[in-house]
Protein backbone atom coordinates (compact mmCIF):
# COMPACT_ATOMS: atom_id res chain seq x y z
CA MET A 1 -16.55 -4.30 -31.83
CA PRO A 2 -14.96 -2.18 -28.97
CA TYR A 3 -11.29 -2.49 -28.42
CA THR A 4 -9.99 -4.72 -25.58
CA ILE A 5 -9.06 -1.27 -23.38
CA ASP A 6 -12.31 -0.54 -23.70
CA THR A 7 -13.84 -4.16 -22.05
CA LEU A 8 -11.08 -3.73 -19.57
CA LYS A 9 -12.59 -0.34 -18.50
CA GLU A 10 -16.25 -1.10 -18.14
CA LEU A 11 -15.24 -4.48 -16.48
CA ARG A 12 -12.94 -2.31 -13.59
CA LYS A 13 -15.95 -0.05 -13.33
CA ASN A 14 -18.88 -3.20 -12.90
CA ILE A 15 -16.09 -5.28 -10.08
CA GLY A 16 -14.19 -1.91 -8.79
CA TYR A 17 -10.34 -1.19 -9.05
CA LYS A 18 -9.77 -3.74 -5.47
CA ARG A 19 -10.36 -6.82 -6.66
CA PRO A 20 -7.30 -8.59 -9.04
CA LEU A 21 -8.51 -9.62 -12.57
CA GLY A 22 -6.35 -11.34 -15.17
CA PHE A 23 -6.66 -11.33 -19.39
CA ILE A 24 -5.91 -14.63 -20.71
CA ILE A 25 -3.68 -14.09 -23.79
CA GLY A 26 -1.81 -16.61 -25.91
CA LEU A 27 1.77 -16.02 -27.09
CA ASP A 28 1.48 -15.21 -30.29
CA ASN A 29 -0.74 -12.13 -29.34
CA LEU A 30 1.78 -11.05 -26.89
CA VAL A 31 4.46 -10.35 -29.41
CA THR A 32 2.52 -8.21 -31.30
CA LEU A 33 0.80 -6.44 -28.12
CA ASN A 34 1.90 -3.36 -29.42
CA GLN A 35 -0.14 -3.34 -32.68
CA TRP A 36 -3.48 -2.80 -30.18
CA HIS A 37 -5.41 -0.11 -29.49
CA LYS A 38 -3.53 1.25 -25.85
CA TRP A 39 -1.70 -1.58 -25.06
CA LYS A 40 0.22 0.11 -22.56
CA GLU A 41 -2.79 1.05 -20.97
CA LEU A 42 -3.90 -2.99 -20.08
CA LEU A 43 -2.02 -3.22 -17.03
CA ILE A 44 -3.78 -0.05 -15.72
CA TYR A 45 -7.02 -2.33 -15.63
CA CYS A 46 -5.73 -6.20 -15.33
CA HIS A 47 -2.81 -8.17 -15.42
CA LEU A 48 -2.20 -10.37 -18.45
CA ILE A 49 -1.68 -14.16 -18.20
CA VAL A 50 0.20 -15.32 -21.26
CA LEU A 51 -0.42 -18.65 -22.36
CA PRO A 52 1.67 -21.15 -24.36
CA ARG A 53 0.26 -21.59 -27.97
CA THR A 54 2.73 -22.93 -30.48
CA LEU A 55 5.02 -25.77 -30.20
CA HIS A 56 7.90 -23.17 -31.14
CA LYS A 57 8.90 -20.45 -29.20
CA LYS A 58 7.42 -16.86 -30.24
CA HIS A 59 10.10 -13.68 -29.82
CA ILE A 60 9.01 -10.29 -29.29
CA LYS A 61 10.71 -8.16 -32.63
CA ASN A 62 9.42 -4.54 -30.79
CA ASN A 63 12.15 -3.50 -28.85
CA ILE A 64 9.66 -1.15 -26.97
CA LEU A 65 7.47 -4.10 -26.20
CA LYS A 66 10.06 -6.72 -25.09
CA ALA A 67 11.49 -3.50 -22.66
CA TRP A 68 7.81 -3.14 -21.40
CA VAL A 69 7.50 -7.21 -20.90
CA LYS A 70 10.18 -7.30 -18.88
CA ASN A 71 10.13 -4.50 -17.15
CA LYS A 72 6.07 -5.92 -16.16
CA THR A 73 6.53 -9.65 -15.61
CA THR A 74 6.62 -11.30 -12.20
CA ARG A 75 7.50 -15.10 -11.58
CA ASN A 76 5.44 -15.06 -8.61
CA TYR A 77 1.95 -15.68 -9.47
CA LEU A 78 0.87 -14.98 -5.49
CA LEU A 79 1.14 -11.17 -7.40
CA LEU A 80 -1.49 -11.87 -9.23
CA HIS A 81 -4.04 -12.34 -5.85
CA SER A 82 -2.66 -9.67 -4.05
CA ASN A 83 -2.57 -6.82 -6.60
CA SER A 84 -5.44 -5.70 -9.11
CA ASN A 85 -3.13 -4.82 -11.80
CA GLY A 86 0.41 -4.33 -13.26
CA TYR A 87 1.86 -7.44 -14.04
CA ILE A 88 2.76 -10.15 -16.52
CA PHE A 89 2.95 -13.75 -15.67
CA PHE A 90 4.39 -16.66 -18.53
CA SER A 91 1.67 -19.34 -17.08
CA ASN A 92 3.12 -23.45 -17.46
CA THR A 93 0.29 -24.89 -18.61
CA PRO A 94 0.08 -27.58 -21.00
CA TYR A 95 0.15 -26.44 -24.80
CA VAL A 96 -3.47 -26.58 -26.00
CA ASN A 97 -3.95 -26.70 -29.98
CA ILE A 98 -7.19 -23.86 -29.88
CA SER A 99 -7.43 -20.24 -30.08
CA SER A 100 -10.66 -18.27 -28.56
CA THR A 101 -11.50 -17.31 -32.41
CA LYS A 102 -11.39 -21.30 -33.14
CA ILE A 103 -14.17 -21.26 -29.71
CA ARG A 104 -16.23 -18.55 -31.03
CA LEU A 105 -16.92 -19.84 -34.49
CA LEU A 106 -17.81 -23.50 -32.98
CA LEU A 107 -20.26 -22.00 -30.94
CA LYS A 108 -21.47 -19.60 -33.48
CA ASN A 109 -21.97 -22.89 -35.42
CA ASN A 110 -23.88 -24.88 -32.41
CA PHE A 111 -20.95 -26.88 -31.84
CA SER A 112 -20.66 -28.22 -28.30
CA CYS A 113 -17.32 -27.55 -26.95
CA PRO A 114 -17.37 -28.48 -23.10
CA ASN A 115 -14.11 -29.63 -22.94
CA LEU A 116 -12.77 -26.56 -23.52
CA LEU A 117 -15.16 -24.18 -21.33
CA PRO A 118 -16.86 -24.27 -18.22
CA ILE A 119 -20.61 -24.96 -19.21
CA SER A 120 -21.63 -22.45 -17.07
CA VAL A 121 -19.64 -19.71 -19.60
CA ILE A 122 -21.37 -21.71 -22.40
CA HIS A 123 -24.40 -20.74 -20.86
CA TYR A 124 -23.69 -17.56 -20.10
CA ILE A 125 -22.26 -16.86 -23.55
CA LYS A 126 -25.43 -17.76 -25.08
CA LYS A 127 -27.46 -15.98 -22.67
CA TYR A 128 -26.73 -12.90 -23.94
CA ASN A 129 -25.45 -13.95 -27.82
CA LEU A 130 -21.94 -13.07 -26.84
CA TYR A 131 -19.46 -13.79 -30.28
CA ILE A 132 -22.76 -14.43 -32.14
């Protein structure tokens, strides 16, 4: 399985470097992002859009990661459209108790989840046997 950074590099090869690209992660992933392979390079290829993942606020403990996030965070979502990469945006979306891991497991076990993903995404995943 490729690292996230490798997937983002490949996406950029396909769509070019001028089009904005957002990578959505949960806050639970952000607080441990410093453990990801080449995590500091992620913003070279995309914006990070951070969604709340639990009802309890999680805090970044790693000081290097904390400073990096503080330096890269914007509250202006329009910057995500006018720049192709480089920002972290904390979304104020409602809390949903679901993760990509749970969605992959549902799809792998042939459960329908149209309330979690657009039907076009479900068809794409099934067509290319992703996560299965």
